[in-house]
Amino acid sequence: MAWRLRLEAQAVSFTIEKGKVLFLLVRKANGWRIPKGGVEKGEDFPETIVRELWEEVG
């Protein structure tokens, strides 16, 4: 069996409003998770993070 390496980018996004810390999470079938995704050819990590945030949360 051949192994393939897949690069992924993940970011913890948050803001502080009225003294409370709010995190950006994505709801999945098995719970909540931080938005993440695979790095596409020609992309760097910051570009991947921005694309994934738009894809997953709009």
N, C-alpha and C. Protein backbone atom coordinates (compact mmCIF):
# COMPACT_ATOMS: atom_id res chain seq x y z
N MET A 1 0.84 -1.18 0.00
CA MET A 1 0.00 0.00 0.00
C MET A 1 0.89 1.24 0.00
N ALA A 2 0.63 2.17 -0.89
CA ALA A 2 1.40 3.41 -0.98
C ALA A 2 0.80 4.47 -0.05
N TRP A 3 1.68 5.24 0.58
CA TRP A 3 1.24 6.31 1.46
C TRP A 3 1.25 7.62 0.69
N ARG A 4 0.25 8.47 0.95
CA ARG A 4 0.19 9.80 0.36
C ARG A 4 0.19 10.83 1.47
N LEU A 5 0.95 11.87 1.29
CA LEU A 5 1.00 12.95 2.26
C LEU A 5 0.03 14.04 1.82
N ARG A 6 -0.86 14.46 2.72
CA ARG A 6 -1.81 15.52 2.41
C ARG A 6 -1.59 16.66 3.41
N LEU A 7 -1.23 17.81 2.89
CA LEU A 7 -1.05 18.98 3.75
C LEU A 7 -2.41 19.59 4.05
N GLU A 8 -2.61 19.97 5.30
CA GLU A 8 -3.85 20.63 5.71
C GLU A 8 -3.52 21.90 6.48
N ALA A 9 -4.43 22.85 6.40
CA ALA A 9 -4.32 24.09 7.16
C ALA A 9 -5.52 24.19 8.09
N GLN A 10 -5.27 24.70 9.28
CA GLN A 10 -6.33 24.82 10.28
C GLN A 10 -6.07 26.10 11.06
N ALA A 11 -7.13 26.84 11.38
CA ALA A 11 -6.95 28.09 12.11
C ALA A 11 -7.99 28.21 13.21
N VAL A 12 -7.56 28.70 14.35
CA VAL A 12 -8.49 29.01 15.44
C VAL A 12 -8.87 30.48 15.26
N SER A 13 -10.15 30.73 14.97
CA SER A 13 -10.65 32.08 14.75
C SER A 13 -11.51 32.49 15.94
N PHE A 14 -11.26 33.67 16.47
CA PHE A 14 -12.06 34.12 17.61
C PHE A 14 -12.14 35.64 17.64
N THR A 15 -13.09 36.13 18.41
CA THR A 15 -13.24 37.55 18.66
C THR A 15 -13.67 37.72 20.11
N ILE A 16 -13.49 38.90 20.64
CA ILE A 16 -13.94 39.17 22.00
C ILE A 16 -15.02 40.25 21.92
N GLU A 17 -16.22 39.90 22.39
CA GLU A 17 -17.34 40.83 22.39
C GLU A 17 -17.95 40.89 23.77
N LYS A 18 -18.10 42.09 24.29
CA LYS A 18 -18.72 42.30 25.60
C LYS A 18 -18.09 41.41 26.67
N GLY A 19 -16.76 41.27 26.61
CA GLY A 19 -16.05 40.49 27.62
C GLY A 19 -16.12 38.99 27.43
N LYS A 20 -16.71 38.52 26.33
CA LYS A 20 -16.81 37.08 26.08
C LYS A 20 -15.99 36.71 24.85
N VAL A 21 -15.33 35.57 24.92
CA VAL A 21 -14.55 35.07 23.78
C VAL A 21 -15.47 34.19 22.93
N LEU A 22 -15.59 34.53 21.64
CA LEU A 22 -16.43 33.76 20.72
C LEU A 22 -15.54 33.06 19.71
N PHE A 23 -15.70 31.74 19.57
CA PHE A 23 -14.91 30.95 18.63
C PHE A 23 -15.72 30.63 17.40
N LEU A 24 -15.05 30.55 16.25
CA LEU A 24 -15.68 30.15 15.00
C LEU A 24 -15.50 28.64 14.84
N LEU A 25 -16.59 27.90 14.89
CA LEU A 25 -16.57 26.45 14.77
C LEU A 25 -17.54 26.00 13.69
N VAL A 26 -17.33 24.80 13.17
CA VAL A 26 -18.21 24.22 12.16
C VAL A 26 -18.87 23.00 12.79
N ARG A 27 -20.19 22.90 12.63
CA ARG A 27 -20.90 21.74 13.18
C ARG A 27 -20.86 20.59 12.18
N LYS A 28 -20.46 19.44 12.65
CA LYS A 28 -20.42 18.22 11.85
C LYS A 28 -21.27 17.17 12.53
N ALA A 29 -21.47 16.04 11.88
CA ALA A 29 -22.32 14.97 12.42
C ALA A 29 -21.88 14.51 13.80
N ASN A 30 -20.58 14.48 14.03
CA ASN A 30 -20.08 13.99 15.32
C ASN A 30 -19.70 15.10 16.29
N GLY A 31 -20.16 16.32 16.05
CA GLY A 31 -19.90 17.41 16.97
C GLY A 31 -19.39 18.66 16.27
N TRP A 32 -18.63 19.45 17.01
CA TRP A 32 -18.10 20.71 16.51
C TRP A 32 -16.61 20.58 16.25
N ARG A 33 -16.11 21.35 15.26
CA ARG A 33 -14.68 21.33 14.99
C ARG A 33 -14.22 22.67 14.44
N ILE A 34 -12.93 22.87 14.47
CA ILE A 34 -12.31 24.07 13.91
C ILE A 34 -12.26 23.91 12.39
N PRO A 35 -12.60 24.97 11.62
CA PRO A 35 -12.52 24.87 10.16
C PRO A 35 -11.10 24.49 9.70
N LYS A 36 -11.02 23.57 8.76
CA LYS A 36 -9.73 23.16 8.20
C LYS A 36 -9.96 22.56 6.83
N GLY A 37 -8.88 22.35 6.11
CA GLY A 37 -9.00 21.72 4.80
C GLY A 37 -7.64 21.53 4.16
N GLY A 38 -7.66 20.81 3.06
CA GLY A 38 -6.44 20.49 2.35
C GLY A 38 -5.89 21.66 1.55
N VAL A 39 -4.57 21.74 1.50
CA VAL A 39 -3.89 22.76 0.72
C VAL A 39 -3.91 22.33 -0.74
N GLU A 40 -4.43 23.21 -1.61
CA GLU A 40 -4.48 22.90 -3.04
C GLU A 40 -3.17 23.31 -3.71
N LYS A 41 -2.91 22.70 -4.85
CA LYS A 41 -1.67 22.97 -5.58
C LYS A 41 -1.55 24.46 -5.88
N GLY A 42 -0.40 25.04 -5.57
CA GLY A 42 -0.14 26.45 -5.82
C GLY A 42 -0.59 27.38 -4.69
N GLU A 43 -1.23 26.84 -3.66
CA GLU A 43 -1.70 27.64 -2.53
C GLU A 43 -0.67 27.62 -1.40
N ASP A 44 -0.64 28.71 -0.63
CA ASP A 44 0.13 28.67 0.61
C ASP A 44 -0.87 28.52 1.76
N PHE A 45 -0.37 28.36 2.98
CA PHE A 45 -1.26 28.10 4.11
C PHE A 45 -2.25 29.24 4.38
N PRO A 46 -1.82 30.52 4.37
CA PRO A 46 -2.81 31.59 4.58
C PRO A 46 -3.92 31.59 3.53
N GLU A 47 -3.59 31.35 2.27
CA GLU A 47 -4.62 31.28 1.23
C GLU A 47 -5.59 30.13 1.49
N THR A 48 -5.06 29.01 1.91
CA THR A 48 -5.90 27.85 2.22
C THR A 48 -6.86 28.16 3.35
N ILE A 49 -6.37 28.80 4.39
CA ILE A 49 -7.22 29.12 5.54
C ILE A 49 -8.36 30.04 5.12
N VAL A 50 -8.06 31.09 4.36
CA VAL A 50 -9.11 32.01 3.90
C VAL A 50 -10.13 31.27 3.04
N ARG A 51 -9.68 30.45 2.11
CA ARG A 51 -10.59 29.70 1.24
C ARG A 51 -11.47 28.76 2.06
N GLU A 52 -10.88 28.05 2.98
CA GLU A 52 -11.65 27.10 3.79
C GLU A 52 -12.67 27.81 4.67
N LEU A 53 -12.32 28.96 5.23
CA LEU A 53 -13.30 29.71 6.02
C LEU A 53 -14.49 30.10 5.17
N TRP A 54 -14.25 30.58 3.95
CA TRP A 54 -15.36 30.95 3.06
C TRP A 54 -16.18 29.72 2.67
N GLU A 55 -15.52 28.61 2.38
CA GLU A 55 -16.24 27.40 1.98
C GLU A 55 -17.10 26.85 3.11
N GLU A 56 -16.59 26.88 4.32
CA GLU A 56 -17.27 26.21 5.42
C GLU A 56 -18.26 27.09 6.18
N VAL A 57 -17.99 28.39 6.27
CA VAL A 57 -18.90 29.24 7.04
C VAL A 57 -19.44 30.44 6.27
N GLY A 58 -18.94 30.69 5.08
CA GLY A 58 -19.47 31.77 4.25
C GLY A 58 -19.02 33.15 4.60
